[in-house]
C-alpha cells in the first residue's frame, strides 16, 4: 500500500489552487465534473503523494486539517523559498526530532515541513 492522495478541504477552490501553486506545488489536474464536483490535484515538488482540493470531494470542514507533514532537505532554505513566494511561515523551530517550518493555507489547514535530524551523526539509525 502507498498513500497517493490526501483531500484538503477549502472554501474557495481558485484561491486555494493559486496559493498552493505559489507555494511550489505542481497543478496536475483541474476537472469540473459537474456543477457539484470539481477536482483539482496538486503535488508538492518531489512528492509521490498529492493533495486534492475542490467541490464535492469531502465532508471535512475547510481549515480542519492540522499538521499535514512533509519532509524537506533544508528547513532554512525552504523557509526562505516560501517567504520569497509570498507565503507566511512560522519557524524554524528546532526540536530533538527535527527542524520545522509551519504554514497555513488561506482556510487555515496547517502544514509542518520537517528537516530530519542527521541520526548518523548522533550514532543512531
PDB file of N, CA and C in Angstrom:
ATOM      1  N   UNK A   1       0.831  -1.176   0.000  1.00  0.00           N
ATOM      2  CA  UNK A   1       0.000   0.000   0.000  1.00  0.00           C
ATOM      3  C   UNK A   1       0.879   1.244   0.000  1.00  0.00           C
ATOM      4  N   UNK A   2       0.407   2.274  -0.661  1.00  0.00           N
ATOM      5  CA  UNK A   2       1.095   3.550  -0.584  1.00  0.00           C
ATOM      6  C   UNK A   2       0.065   4.676  -0.649  1.00  0.00           C
ATOM      7  N   UNK A   3       0.303   5.671   0.161  1.00  0.00           N
ATOM      8  CA  UNK A   3      -0.582   6.835   0.205  1.00  0.00           C
ATOM      9  C   UNK A   3      -0.303   7.695  -1.019  1.00  0.00           C
ATOM     10  N   UNK A   4      -1.352   8.002  -1.786  1.00  0.00           N
ATOM     11  CA  UNK A   4      -1.153   8.773  -3.007  1.00  0.00           C
ATOM     12  C   UNK A   4      -1.939  10.066  -3.058  1.00  0.00           C
ATOM     13  N   UNK A   5      -3.021  10.223  -2.259  1.00  0.00           N
ATOM     14  CA  UNK A   5      -3.851  11.410  -2.366  1.00  0.00           C
ATOM     15  C   UNK A   5      -4.484  11.734  -1.019  1.00  0.00           C
ATOM     16  N   UNK A   6      -4.377  12.997  -0.620  1.00  0.00           N
ATOM     17  CA  UNK A   6      -4.985  13.471   0.622  1.00  0.00           C
ATOM     18  C   UNK A   6      -5.932  14.618   0.267  1.00  0.00           C
ATOM     19  N   UNK A   7      -7.172  14.521   0.710  1.00  0.00           N
ATOM     20  CA  UNK A   7      -8.150  15.585   0.476  1.00  0.00           C
ATOM     21  C   UNK A   7      -7.892  16.723   1.454  1.00  0.00           C
ATOM     22  N   UNK A   8      -7.882  17.945   0.945  1.00  0.00           N
ATOM     23  CA  UNK A   8      -7.694  19.138   1.770  1.00  0.00           C
ATOM     24  C   UNK A   8      -8.934  20.007   1.580  1.00  0.00           C
ATOM     25  N   UNK A   9      -9.737  20.182   2.627  1.00  0.00           N
ATOM     26  CA  UNK A   9     -10.987  20.926   2.493  1.00  0.00           C
ATOM     27  C   UNK A   9     -10.754  22.442   2.443  1.00  0.00           C
ATOM     28  N   UNK A  10     -11.323  23.085   1.411  1.00  0.00           N
ATOM     29  CA  UNK A  10     -11.165  24.527   1.228  1.00  0.00           C
ATOM     30  C   UNK A  10     -12.512  25.156   0.888  1.00  0.00           C
ATOM     31  N   UNK A  11     -12.605  26.468   1.105  1.00  0.00           N
ATOM     32  CA  UNK A  11     -13.847  27.179   0.777  1.00  0.00           C
ATOM     33  C   UNK A  11     -13.858  27.704  -0.645  1.00  0.00           C
ATOM     34  N   UNK A  12     -12.710  28.195  -1.119  1.00  0.00           N
ATOM     35  CA  UNK A  12     -12.604  28.808  -2.437  1.00  0.00           C
ATOM     36  C   UNK A  12     -11.529  28.056  -3.219  1.00  0.00           C
ATOM     37  N   UNK A  13     -11.966  27.258  -4.172  1.00  0.00           N
ATOM     38  CA  UNK A  13     -11.057  26.377  -4.897  1.00  0.00           C
ATOM     39  C   UNK A  13     -10.004  27.174  -5.670  1.00  0.00           C
ATOM     40  N   UNK A  14     -10.410  28.224  -6.351  1.00  0.00           N
ATOM     41  CA  UNK A  14      -9.453  29.004  -7.140  1.00  0.00           C
ATOM     42  C   UNK A  14      -8.424  29.689  -6.251  1.00  0.00           C
ATOM     43  N   UNK A  15      -8.868  30.252  -5.140  1.00  0.00           N
ATOM     44  CA  UNK A  15      -7.939  30.902  -4.197  1.00  0.00           C
ATOM     45  C   UNK A  15      -6.951  29.883  -3.638  1.00  0.00           C
ATOM     46  N   UNK A  16      -7.447  28.706  -3.255  1.00  0.00           N
ATOM     47  CA  UNK A  16      -6.571  27.658  -2.707  1.00  0.00           C
ATOM     48  C   UNK A  16      -5.602  27.152  -3.765  1.00  0.00           C
ATOM     49  N   UNK A  17      -6.084  26.958  -4.989  1.00  0.00           N
ATOM     50  CA  UNK A  17      -5.206  26.487  -6.065  1.00  0.00           C
ATOM     51  C   UNK A  17      -4.087  27.495  -6.294  1.00  0.00           C
ATOM     52  N   UNK A  18      -4.408  28.774  -6.353  1.00  0.00           N
ATOM     53  CA  UNK A  18      -3.394  29.811  -6.542  1.00  0.00           C
ATOM     54  C   UNK A  18      -2.379  29.784  -5.416  1.00  0.00           C
ATOM     55  N   UNK A  19      -2.850  29.620  -4.180  1.00  0.00           N
ATOM     56  CA  UNK A  19      -1.958  29.584  -3.025  1.00  0.00           C
ATOM     57  C   UNK A  19      -0.977  28.411  -3.126  1.00  0.00           C
ATOM     58  N   UNK A  20      -1.503  27.227  -3.389  1.00  0.00           N
ATOM     59  CA  UNK A  20      -0.637  26.047  -3.427  1.00  0.00           C
ATOM     60  C   UNK A  20       0.345  26.098  -4.599  1.00  0.00           C
ATOM     61  N   UNK A  21      -0.078  26.611  -5.746  1.00  0.00           N
ATOM     62  CA  UNK A  21       0.841  26.769  -6.878  1.00  0.00           C
ATOM     63  C   UNK A  21       1.924  27.782  -6.514  1.00  0.00           C
ATOM     64  N   UNK A  22       1.538  28.876  -5.870  1.00  0.00           N
ATOM     65  CA  UNK A  22       2.525  29.877  -5.436  1.00  0.00           C
ATOM     66  C   UNK A  22       3.503  29.271  -4.443  1.00  0.00           C
ATOM     67  N   UNK A  23       3.030  28.331  -3.604  1.00  0.00           N
ATOM     68  CA  UNK A  23       3.887  27.666  -2.617  1.00  0.00           C
ATOM     69  C   UNK A  23       4.807  26.630  -3.261  1.00  0.00           C
ATOM     70  N   UNK A  24       4.652  26.388  -4.567  1.00  0.00           N
ATOM     71  CA  UNK A  24       5.549  25.471  -5.266  1.00  0.00           C
ATOM     72  C   UNK A  24       4.941  24.144  -5.674  1.00  0.00           C
ATOM     73  N   UNK A  25       3.675  23.907  -5.309  1.00  0.00           N
ATOM     74  CA  UNK A  25       3.016  22.669  -5.712  1.00  0.00           C
ATOM     75  C   UNK A  25       2.758  22.711  -7.226  1.00  0.00           C
ATOM     76  N   UNK A  26       2.794  21.546  -7.865  1.00  0.00           N
ATOM     77  CA  UNK A  26       2.510  21.434  -9.288  1.00  0.00           C
ATOM     78  C   UNK A  26       1.021  21.155  -9.458  1.00  0.00           C
ATOM     79  N   UNK A  27       0.359  21.944 -10.297  1.00  0.00           N
ATOM     80  CA  UNK A  27      -1.059  21.714 -10.599  1.00  0.00           C
ATOM     81  C   UNK A  27      -1.135  20.617 -11.652  1.00  0.00           C
ATOM     82  N   UNK A  28      -1.497  19.411 -11.221  1.00  0.00           N
ATOM     83  CA  UNK A  28      -1.521  18.248 -12.104  1.00  0.00           C
ATOM     84  C   UNK A  28      -2.817  18.124 -12.896  1.00  0.00           C
ATOM     85  N   UNK A  29      -3.916  18.511 -12.259  1.00  0.00           N
ATOM     86  CA  UNK A  29      -5.220  18.189 -12.840  1.00  0.00           C
ATOM     87  C   UNK A  29      -6.256  19.165 -12.292  1.00  0.00           C
ATOM     88  N   UNK A  30      -7.135  19.654 -13.140  1.00  0.00           N
ATOM     89  CA  UNK A  30      -8.238  20.519 -12.721  1.00  0.00           C
ATOM     90  C   UNK A  30      -9.426  20.185 -13.612  1.00  0.00           C
ATOM     91  N   UNK A  31     -10.377  19.467 -13.049  1.00  0.00           N
ATOM     92  CA  UNK A  31     -11.510  18.999 -13.839  1.00  0.00           C
ATOM     93  C   UNK A  31     -12.821  19.329 -13.143  1.00  0.00           C
ATOM     94  N   UNK A  32     -13.693  20.037 -13.840  1.00  0.00           N
ATOM     95  CA  UNK A  32     -15.052  20.247 -13.363  1.00  0.00           C
ATOM     96  C   UNK A  32     -15.894  19.113 -13.923  1.00  0.00           C
ATOM     97  N   UNK A  33     -16.349  18.251 -13.034  1.00  0.00           N
ATOM     98  CA  UNK A  33     -17.111  17.068 -13.433  1.00  0.00           C
ATOM     99  C   UNK A  33     -18.583  17.421 -13.627  1.00  0.00           C
ATOM    100  N   UNK A  34     -19.082  18.279 -12.727  1.00  0.00           N
ATOM    101  CA  UNK A  34     -20.465  18.737 -12.771  1.00  0.00           C
ATOM    102  C   UNK A  34     -20.545  20.031 -11.960  1.00  0.00           C
ATOM    103  N   UNK A  35     -21.726  20.601 -11.828  1.00  0.00           N
ATOM    104  CA  UNK A  35     -21.874  21.800 -11.006  1.00  0.00           C
ATOM    105  C   UNK A  35     -21.537  21.523  -9.543  1.00  0.00           C
ATOM    106  N   UNK A  36     -21.679  20.276  -9.116  1.00  0.00           N
ATOM    107  CA  UNK A  36     -21.428  19.907  -7.732  1.00  0.00           C
ATOM    108  C   UNK A  36     -20.006  19.418  -7.481  1.00  0.00           C
ATOM    109  N   UNK A  37     -19.298  18.999  -8.527  1.00  0.00           N
ATOM    110  CA  UNK A  37     -17.994  18.365  -8.328  1.00  0.00           C
ATOM    111  C   UNK A  37     -16.918  19.015  -9.204  1.00  0.00           C
ATOM    112  N   UNK A  38     -15.862  19.467  -8.527  1.00  0.00           N
ATOM    113  CA  UNK A  38     -14.643  19.930  -9.199  1.00  0.00           C
ATOM    114  C   UNK A  38     -13.467  19.289  -8.482  1.00  0.00           C
ATOM    115  N   UNK A  39     -12.553  18.726  -9.237  1.00  0.00           N
ATOM    116  CA  UNK A  39     -11.411  18.007  -8.688  1.00  0.00           C
ATOM    117  C   UNK A  39     -10.124  18.674  -9.162  1.00  0.00           C
ATOM    118  N   UNK A  40      -9.329  19.153  -8.202  1.00  0.00           N
ATOM    119  CA  UNK A  40      -8.033  19.757  -8.506  1.00  0.00           C
ATOM    120  C   UNK A  40      -6.978  18.969  -7.752  1.00  0.00           C
ATOM    121  N   UNK A  41      -6.008  18.437  -8.477  1.00  0.00           N
ATOM    122  CA  UNK A  41      -4.915  17.679  -7.864  1.00  0.00           C
ATOM    123  C   UNK A  41      -3.637  18.497  -7.957  1.00  0.00           C
ATOM    124  N   UNK A  42      -2.935  18.604  -6.826  1.00  0.00           N
ATOM    125  CA  UNK A  42      -1.681  19.343  -6.745  1.00  0.00           C
ATOM    126  C   UNK A  42      -0.652  18.470  -6.047  1.00  0.00           C
ATOM    127  N   UNK A  43       0.596  18.532  -6.519  1.00  0.00           N
ATOM    128  CA  UNK A  43       1.645  17.687  -5.954  1.00  0.00           C
ATOM    129  C   UNK A  43       2.829  18.539  -5.504  1.00  0.00           C
ATOM    130  N   UNK A  44       3.247  18.369  -4.247  1.00  0.00           N
ATOM    131  CA  UNK A  44       4.462  19.063  -3.807  1.00  0.00           C
ATOM    132  C   UNK A  44       5.654  18.563  -4.626  1.00  0.00           C
ATOM    133  N   UNK A  45       6.617  19.438  -4.919  1.00  0.00           N
ATOM    134  CA  UNK A  45       7.761  19.005  -5.720  1.00  0.00           C
ATOM    135  C   UNK A  45       8.495  17.835  -5.070  1.00  0.00           C
ATOM    136  N   UNK A  46       8.729  16.782  -5.853  1.00  0.00           N
ATOM    137  CA  UNK A  46       9.451  15.612  -5.363  1.00  0.00           C
ATOM    138  C   UNK A  46       8.612  14.611  -4.596  1.00  0.00           C
ATOM    139  N   UNK A  47       7.322  14.884  -4.425  1.00  0.00           N
ATOM    140  CA  UNK A  47       6.472  14.005  -3.624  1.00  0.00           C
ATOM    141  C   UNK A  47       5.783  12.953  -4.486  1.00  0.00           C
ATOM    142  N   UNK A  48       5.591  11.765  -3.910  1.00  0.00           N
ATOM    143  CA  UNK A  48       4.805  10.722  -4.563  1.00  0.00           C
ATOM    144  C   UNK A  48       3.342  10.818  -4.152  1.00  0.00           C
ATOM    145  N   UNK A  49       3.038  11.686  -3.196  1.00  0.00           N
ATOM    146  CA  UNK A  49       1.667  11.864  -2.708  1.00  0.00           C
ATOM    147  C   UNK A  49       1.192  13.267  -3.081  1.00  0.00           C
ATOM    148  N   UNK A  50      -0.031  13.355  -3.567  1.00  0.00           N
ATOM    149  CA  UNK A  50      -0.631  14.621  -3.966  1.00  0.00           C
ATOM    150  C   UNK A  50      -1.722  15.015  -2.982  1.00  0.00           C
ATOM    151  N   UNK A  51      -2.191  16.255  -3.129  1.00  0.00           N
ATOM    152  CA  UNK A  51      -3.385  16.686  -2.408  1.00  0.00           C
ATOM    153  C   UNK A  51      -4.477  16.954  -3.434  1.00  0.00           C
ATOM    154  N   UNK A  52      -5.713  16.908  -2.983  1.00  0.00           N
ATOM    155  CA  UNK A  52      -6.847  17.249  -3.836  1.00  0.00           C
ATOM    156  C   UNK A  52      -7.677  18.297  -3.121  1.00  0.00           C
ATOM    157  N   UNK A  53      -8.046  19.334  -3.860  1.00  0.00           N
ATOM    158  CA  UNK A  53      -8.976  20.350  -3.376  1.00  0.00           C
ATOM    159  C   UNK A  53     -10.109  20.403  -4.376  1.00  0.00           C
ATOM    160  N   UNK A  54     -11.224  20.951  -3.982  1.00  0.00           N
ATOM    161  CA  UNK A  54     -12.312  21.078  -4.936  1.00  0.00           C
ATOM    162  C   UNK A  54     -13.658  21.210  -4.265  1.00  0.00           C
ATOM    163  N   UNK A  55     -14.680  20.898  -5.050  1.00  0.00           N
ATOM    164  CA  UNK A  55     -16.067  20.884  -4.576  1.00  0.00           C
ATOM    165  C   UNK A  55     -16.582  19.460  -4.641  1.00  0.00           C
ATOM    166  N   UNK A  56     -17.351  19.083  -3.626  1.00  0.00           N
ATOM    167  CA  UNK A  56     -17.983  17.769  -3.646  1.00  0.00           C
ATOM    168  C   UNK A  56     -17.032  16.615  -3.417  1.00  0.00           C
ATOM    169  N   UNK A  57     -15.878  16.875  -2.801  1.00  0.00           N
ATOM    170  CA  UNK A  57     -14.881  15.825  -2.615  1.00  0.00           C
ATOM    171  C   UNK A  57     -14.837  15.254  -1.206  1.00  0.00           C
ATOM    172  N   UNK A  58     -15.206  16.057  -0.222  1.00  0.00           N
ATOM    173  CA  UNK A  58     -15.085  15.621   1.164  1.00  0.00           C
ATOM    174  C   UNK A  58     -16.133  16.319   2.012  1.00  0.00           C
ATOM    175  N   UNK A  59     -16.436  15.718   3.155  1.00  0.00           N
ATOM    176  CA  UNK A  59     -17.356  16.336   4.096  1.00  0.00           C
ATOM    177  C   UNK A  59     -16.613  17.064   5.213  1.00  0.00           C
ATOM    178  N   UNK A  60     -15.278  17.054   5.170  1.00  0.00           N
ATOM    179  CA  UNK A  60     -14.493  17.766   6.175  1.00  0.00           C
ATOM    180  C   UNK A  60     -14.743  19.265   6.042  1.00  0.00           C
ATOM    181  N   UNK A  61     -14.669  19.953   7.178  1.00  0.00           N
ATOM    182  CA  UNK A  61     -14.830  21.402   7.190  1.00  0.00           C
ATOM    183  C   UNK A  61     -13.554  22.075   6.684  1.00  0.00           C
ATOM    184  N   UNK A  62     -13.677  23.111   5.854  1.00  0.00           N
ATOM    185  CA  UNK A  62     -12.492  23.843   5.418  1.00  0.00           C
ATOM    186  C   UNK A  62     -11.671  24.318   6.623  1.00  0.00           C
ATOM    187  N   UNK A  63     -10.373  24.130   6.522  1.00  0.00           N
ATOM    188  CA  UNK A  63      -9.477  24.541   7.597  1.00  0.00           C
ATOM    189  C   UNK A  63      -9.349  23.535   8.720  1.00  0.00           C
ATOM    190  N   UNK A  64      -9.952  22.360   8.593  1.00  0.00           N
ATOM    191  CA  UNK A  64      -9.967  21.399   9.701  1.00  0.00           C
ATOM    192  C   UNK A  64      -8.727  20.504   9.760  1.00  0.00           C
ATOM    193  N   UNK A  65      -7.910  20.524   8.732  1.00  0.00           N
ATOM    194  CA  UNK A  65      -6.700  19.702   8.765  1.00  0.00           C
ATOM    195  C   UNK A  65      -5.592  20.446   9.493  1.00  0.00           C
ATOM    196  N   UNK A  66      -4.939  19.741  10.374  1.00  0.00           N
ATOM    197  CA  UNK A  66      -3.883  20.345  11.173  1.00  0.00           C
ATOM    198  C   UNK A  66      -2.651  19.463  11.116  1.00  0.00           C
ATOM    199  N   UNK A  67      -1.530  20.084  10.802  1.00  0.00           N
ATOM    200  CA  UNK A  67      -0.233  19.412  10.870  1.00  0.00           C
ATOM    201  C   UNK A  67      -0.037  18.348   9.796  1.00  0.00           C
ATOM    202  N   UNK A  68      -0.498  18.632   8.570  1.00  0.00           N
ATOM    203  CA  UNK A  68      -0.080  17.801   7.449  1.00  0.00           C
ATOM    204  C   UNK A  68       1.427  17.953   7.377  1.00  0.00           C
ATOM    205  N   UNK A  69       2.143  16.876   7.216  1.00  0.00           N
ATOM    206  CA  UNK A  69       3.595  16.965   7.350  1.00  0.00           C
ATOM    207  C   UNK A  69       4.308  16.466   6.109  1.00  0.00           C
ATOM    208  N   UNK A  70       5.312  17.247   5.699  1.00  0.00           N
ATOM    209  CA  UNK A  70       6.200  16.867   4.601  1.00  0.00           C
ATOM    210  C   UNK A  70       7.633  16.979   5.100  1.00  0.00           C
ATOM    211  N   UNK A  71       8.512  16.220   4.489  1.00  0.00           N
ATOM    212  CA  UNK A  71       9.936  16.268   4.819  1.00  0.00           C
ATOM    213  C   UNK A  71      10.643  17.127   3.776  1.00  0.00           C
ATOM    214  N   UNK A  72      11.536  17.982   4.246  1.00  0.00           N
ATOM    215  CA  UNK A  72      12.340  18.839   3.367  1.00  0.00           C
ATOM    216  C   UNK A  72      13.815  18.610   3.676  1.00  0.00           C
ATOM    217  N   UNK A  73      14.665  18.911   2.720  1.00  0.00           N
ATOM    218  CA  UNK A  73      16.103  18.709   2.913  1.00  0.00           C
ATOM    219  C   UNK A  73      16.705  19.755   3.840  1.00  0.00           C
ATOM    220  N   UNK A  74      16.214  20.993   3.751  1.00  0.00           N
ATOM    221  CA  UNK A  74      16.814  22.101   4.495  1.00  0.00           C
ATOM    222  C   UNK A  74      15.709  23.059   4.935  1.00  0.00           C
ATOM    223  N   UNK A  75      15.433  23.109   6.234  1.00  0.00           N
ATOM    224  CA  UNK A  75      14.354  23.944   6.761  1.00  0.00           C
ATOM    225  C   UNK A  75      14.600  25.419   6.490  1.00  0.00           C
ATOM    226  N   UNK A  76      15.829  25.870   6.651  1.00  0.00           N
ATOM    227  CA  UNK A  76      16.127  27.287   6.430  1.00  0.00           C
ATOM    228  C   UNK A  76      15.907  27.684   4.972  1.00  0.00           C
ATOM    229  N   UNK A  77      16.393  26.866   4.052  1.00  0.00           N
ATOM    230  CA  UNK A  77      16.220  27.155   2.625  1.00  0.00           C
ATOM    231  C   UNK A  77      14.747  27.088   2.229  1.00  0.00           C
ATOM    232  N   UNK A  78      14.024  26.137   2.785  1.00  0.00           N
ATOM    233  CA  UNK A  78      12.596  26.015   2.484  1.00  0.00           C
ATOM    234  C   UNK A  78      11.845  27.233   2.991  1.00  0.00           C
ATOM    235  N   UNK A  79      12.155  27.653   4.213  1.00  0.00           N
ATOM    236  CA  UNK A  79      11.514  28.856   4.760  1.00  0.00           C
ATOM    237  C   UNK A  79      11.796  30.055   3.863  1.00  0.00           C
ATOM    238  N   UNK A  80      13.044  30.252   3.474  1.00  0.00           N
ATOM    239  CA  UNK A  80      13.410  31.385   2.629  1.00  0.00           C
ATOM    240  C   UNK A  80      12.673  31.332   1.293  1.00  0.00           C
ATOM    241  N   UNK A  81      12.564  30.136   0.705  1.00  0.00           N
ATOM    242  CA  UNK A  81      11.869  29.980  -0.567  1.00  0.00           C
ATOM    243  C   UNK A  81      10.392  30.335  -0.435  1.00  0.00           C
ATOM    244  N   UNK A  82       9.741  29.844   0.621  1.00  0.00           N
ATOM    245  CA  UNK A  82       8.321  30.133   0.812  1.00  0.00           C
ATOM    246  C   UNK A  82       8.085  31.621   1.053  1.00  0.00           C
ATOM    247  N   UNK A  83       8.936  32.247   1.855  1.00  0.00           N
ATOM    248  CA  UNK A  83       8.805  33.684   2.111  1.00  0.00           C
ATOM    249  C   UNK A  83       8.963  34.452   0.800  1.00  0.00           C
ATOM    250  N   UNK A  84       9.936  34.061  -0.025  1.00  0.00           N
ATOM    251  CA  UNK A  84      10.147  34.712  -1.320  1.00  0.00           C
ATOM    252  C   UNK A  84       8.925  34.562  -2.224  1.00  0.00           C
ATOM    253  N   UNK A  85       8.200  33.465  -2.074  1.00  0.00           N
ATOM    254  CA  UNK A  85       6.992  33.220  -2.864  1.00  0.00           C
ATOM    255  C   UNK A  85       5.756  33.921  -2.277  1.00  0.00           C
ATOM    256  N   UNK A  86       5.942  34.628  -1.162  1.00  0.00           N
ATOM    257  CA  UNK A  86       4.833  35.351  -0.545  1.00  0.00           C
ATOM    258  C   UNK A  86       3.996  34.527   0.407  1.00  0.00           C
ATOM    259  N   UNK A  87       4.537  33.413   0.885  1.00  0.00           N
ATOM    260  CA  UNK A  87       3.827  32.552   1.831  1.00  0.00           C
ATOM    261  C   UNK A  87       4.259  32.932   3.245  1.00  0.00           C
ATOM    262  N   UNK A  88       3.287  33.175   4.112  1.00  0.00           N
ATOM    263  CA  UNK A  88       3.579  33.494   5.510  1.00  0.00           C
ATOM    264  C   UNK A  88       3.911  32.208   6.257  1.00  0.00           C
ATOM    265  N   UNK A  89       5.091  32.166   6.877  1.00  0.00           N
ATOM    266  CA  UNK A  89       5.541  30.956   7.566  1.00  0.00           C
ATOM    267  C   UNK A  89       5.922  31.269   9.007  1.00  0.00           C
ATOM    268  N   UNK A  90       5.885  30.217   9.828  1.00  0.00           N
ATOM    269  CA  UNK A  90       6.404  30.278  11.202  1.00  0.00           C
ATOM    270  C   UNK A  90       7.557  29.292  11.278  1.00  0.00           C
ATOM    271  N   UNK A  91       8.588  29.654  11.956  1.00  0.00           N
ATOM    272  CA  UNK A  91       9.725  28.733  12.088  1.00  0.00           C
ATOM    273  C   UNK A  91      10.976  29.505  11.800  1.00  0.00           C
ATOM    274  N   UNK A  92      12.079  28.892  11.899  1.00  0.00           N
ATOM    275  CA  UNK A  92      12.398  27.478  12.001  1.00  0.00           C
ATOM    276  C   UNK A  92      12.429  27.098  13.484  1.00  0.00           C
ATOM    277  N   UNK A  93      11.727  26.032  13.826  1.00  0.00           N
ATOM    278  CA  UNK A  93      11.658  25.535  15.194  1.00  0.00           C
ATOM    279  C   UNK A  93      12.574  24.318  15.307  1.00  0.00           C
ATOM    280  N   UNK A  94      13.534  24.390  16.242  1.00  0.00           N
ATOM    281  CA  UNK A  94      14.476  23.288  16.459  1.00  0.00           C
ATOM    282  C   UNK A  94      13.980  22.375  17.569  1.00  0.00           C
ATOM    283  N   UNK A  95      13.781  21.100  17.231  1.00  0.00           N
ATOM    284  CA  UNK A  95      13.364  20.094  18.195  1.00  0.00           C
ATOM    285  C   UNK A  95      14.298  18.895  18.066  1.00  0.00           C
ATOM    286  N   UNK A  96      14.292  18.025  19.041  1.00  0.00           N
ATOM    287  CA  UNK A  96      15.173  16.849  19.017  1.00  0.00           C
ATOM    288  C   UNK A  96      14.890  15.948  17.818  1.00  0.00           C
ATOM    289  N   UNK A  97      13.669  15.954  17.310  1.00  0.00           N
ATOM    290  CA  UNK A  97      13.282  15.064  16.215  1.00  0.00           C
ATOM    291  C   UNK A  97      13.234  15.788  14.872  1.00  0.00           C
ATOM    292  N   UNK A  98      13.817  16.994  14.815  1.00  0.00           N
ATOM    293  CA  UNK A  98      13.917  17.690  13.541  1.00  0.00           C
ATOM    294  C   UNK A  98      13.749  19.187  13.672  1.00  0.00           C
ATOM    295  N   UNK A  99      13.904  19.843  12.548  1.00  0.00           N
ATOM    296  CA  UNK A  99      13.733  21.293  12.455  1.00  0.00           C
ATOM    297  C   UNK A  99      12.474  21.530  11.626  1.00  0.00           C
ATOM    298  N   UNK A 100      11.591  22.413  12.094  1.00  0.00           N
ATOM    299  CA  UNK A 100      10.272  22.566  11.495  1.00  0.00           C
ATOM    300  C   UNK A 100       9.989  23.985  11.029  1.00  0.00           C
ATOM    301  N   UNK A 101       9.305  24.064   9.894  1.00  0.00           N
ATOM    302  CA  UNK A 101       8.732  25.293   9.377  1.00  0.00           C
ATOM    303  C   UNK A 101       7.235  25.024   9.269  1.00  0.00           C
ATOM    304  N   UNK A 102       6.418  25.978   9.702  1.00  0.00           N
ATOM    305  CA  UNK A 102       4.962  25.805   9.673  1.00  0.00           C
ATOM    306  C   UNK A 102       4.312  26.887   8.823  1.00  0.00           C
ATOM    307  N   UNK A 103       3.245  26.507   8.124  1.00  0.00           N
ATOM    308  CA  UNK A 103       2.425  27.497   7.419  1.00  0.00           C
ATOM    309  C   UNK A 103       0.995  26.985   7.343  1.00  0.00           C
ATOM    310  N   UNK A 104       0.094  27.888   6.994  1.00  0.00           N
ATOM    311  CA  UNK A 104      -1.316  27.537   6.816  1.00  0.00           C
ATOM    312  C   UNK A 104      -1.786  28.037   5.461  1.00  0.00           C
ATOM    313  N   UNK A 105      -2.727  27.303   4.870  1.00  0.00           N
ATOM    314  CA  UNK A 105      -3.324  27.774   3.621  1.00  0.00           C
ATOM    315  C   UNK A 105      -4.375  28.835   3.960  1.00  0.00           C
ATOM    316  N   UNK A 106      -5.006  29.462   2.972  1.00  0.00           N
ATOM    317  CA  UNK A 106      -5.963  30.538   3.264  1.00  0.00           C
ATOM    318  C   UNK A 106      -7.139  30.132   4.150  1.00  0.00           C
ATOM    319  N   UNK A 107      -7.458  28.834   4.219  1.00  0.00           N
ATOM    320  CA  UNK A 107      -8.554  28.367   5.070  1.00  0.00           C
ATOM    321  C   UNK A 107      -8.099  27.966   6.458  1.00  0.00           C
ATOM    322  N   UNK A 108      -6.787  27.918   6.691  1.00  0.00           N
ATOM    323  CA  UNK A 108      -6.267  27.539   7.999  1.00  0.00           C
ATOM    324  C   UNK A 108      -5.819  26.097   8.109  1.00  0.00           C
ATOM    325  N   UNK A 109      -5.822  25.344   6.992  1.00  0.00           N
ATOM    326  CA  UNK A 109      -5.256  23.991   7.024  1.00  0.00           C
ATOM    327  C   UNK A 109      -3.768  24.126   7.300  1.00  0.00           C
ATOM    328  N   UNK A 110      -3.288  23.427   8.349  1.00  0.00           N
ATOM    329  CA  UNK A 110      -1.919  23.609   8.809  1.00  0.00           C
ATOM    330  C   UNK A 110      -0.941  22.595   8.253  1.00  0.00           C
ATOM    331  N   UNK A 111       0.251  23.084   7.900  1.00  0.00           N
ATOM    332  CA  UNK A 111       1.323  22.264   7.352  1.00  0.00           C
ATOM    333  C   UNK A 111       2.560  22.391   8.214  1.00  0.00           C
ATOM    334  N   UNK A 112       3.269  21.269   8.387  1.00  0.00           N
ATOM    335  CA  UNK A 112       4.568  21.241   9.054  1.00  0.00           C
ATOM    336  C   UNK A 112       5.570  20.667   8.074  1.00  0.00           C
ATOM    337  N   UNK A 113       6.661  21.378   7.868  1.00  0.00           N
ATOM    338  CA  UNK A 113       7.729  20.921   6.987  1.00  0.00           C
ATOM    339  C   UNK A 113       8.907  20.565   7.862  1.00  0.00           C
ATOM    340  N   UNK A 114       9.308  19.307   7.850  1.00  0.00           N
ATOM    341  CA  UNK A 114      10.325  18.802   8.769  1.00  0.00           C
ATOM    342  C   UNK A 114      11.633  18.490   8.058  1.00  0.00           C
ATOM    343  N   UNK A 115      12.704  19.087   8.559  1.00  0.00           N
ATOM    344  CA  UNK A 115      14.051  18.677   8.178  1.00  0.00           C
ATOM    345  C   UNK A 115      14.457  17.615   9.191  1.00  0.00           C
ATOM    346  N   UNK A 116      14.678  16.406   8.724  1.00  0.00           N
ATOM    347  CA  UNK A 116      15.002  15.307   9.625  1.00  0.00           C
ATOM    348  C   UNK A 116      16.379  15.510  10.249  1.00  0.00           C
ATOM    349  N   UNK A 117      16.545  15.077  11.495  1.00  0.00           N
ATOM    350  CA  UNK A 117      17.878  15.162  12.100  1.00  0.00           C
ATOM    351  C   UNK A 117      18.830  14.200  11.410  1.00  0.00           C
ATOM    352  N   UNK A 118      20.105  14.485  11.502  1.00  0.00           N
ATOM    353  CA  UNK A 118      21.133  13.591  10.970  1.00  0.00           C
ATOM    354  C   UNK A 118      21.450  12.556  12.043  1.00  0.00           C
ATOM    355  N   UNK A 119      20.703  11.464  12.034  1.00  0.00           N
ATOM    356  CA  UNK A 119      20.868  10.430  13.048  1.00  0.00           C
ATOM    357  C   UNK A 119      22.240   9.771  12.969  1.00  0.00           C
ATOM    358  N   UNK A 120      22.821   9.704  11.776  1.00  0.00           N
ATOM    359  CA  UNK A 120      24.134   9.062  11.648  1.00  0.00           C
ATOM    360  C   UNK A 120      25.188   9.844  12.431  1.00  0.00           C
ATOM    361  N   UNK A 121      25.053  11.154  12.499  1.00  0.00           N
ATOM    362  CA  UNK A 121      25.999  11.977  13.251  1.00  0.00           C
ATOM    363  C   UNK A 121      25.837  11.781  14.759  1.00  0.00           C
ATOM    364  N   UNK A 122      24.657  11.267  15.151  1.00  0.00           N
ATOM    365  CA  UNK A 122      24.385  11.040  16.573  1.00  0.00           C
ATOM    366  C   UNK A 122      24.609   9.587  16.969  1.00  0.00           C
ATOM    367  N   UNK A 123      25.098   8.766  16.034  1.00  0.00           N
ATOM    368  CA  UNK A 123      25.325   7.354  16.321  1.00  0.00           C
ATOM    369  C   UNK A 123      24.044   6.560  16.388  1.00  0.00           C
ATOM    370  N   UNK A 124      22.951   7.078  15.799  1.00  0.00           N
ATOM    371  CA  UNK A 124      21.662   6.381  15.794  1.00  0.00           C
ATOM    372  C   UNK A 124      21.320   5.996  14.360  1.00  0.00           C
ATOM    373  N   UNK A 125      20.443   5.045  14.238  1.00  0.00           N
ATOM    374  CA  UNK A 125      19.989   4.649  12.904  1.00  0.00           C
ATOM    375  C   UNK A 125      18.553   5.026  12.741  1.00  0.00           C
TER     376      UNK A 125
END
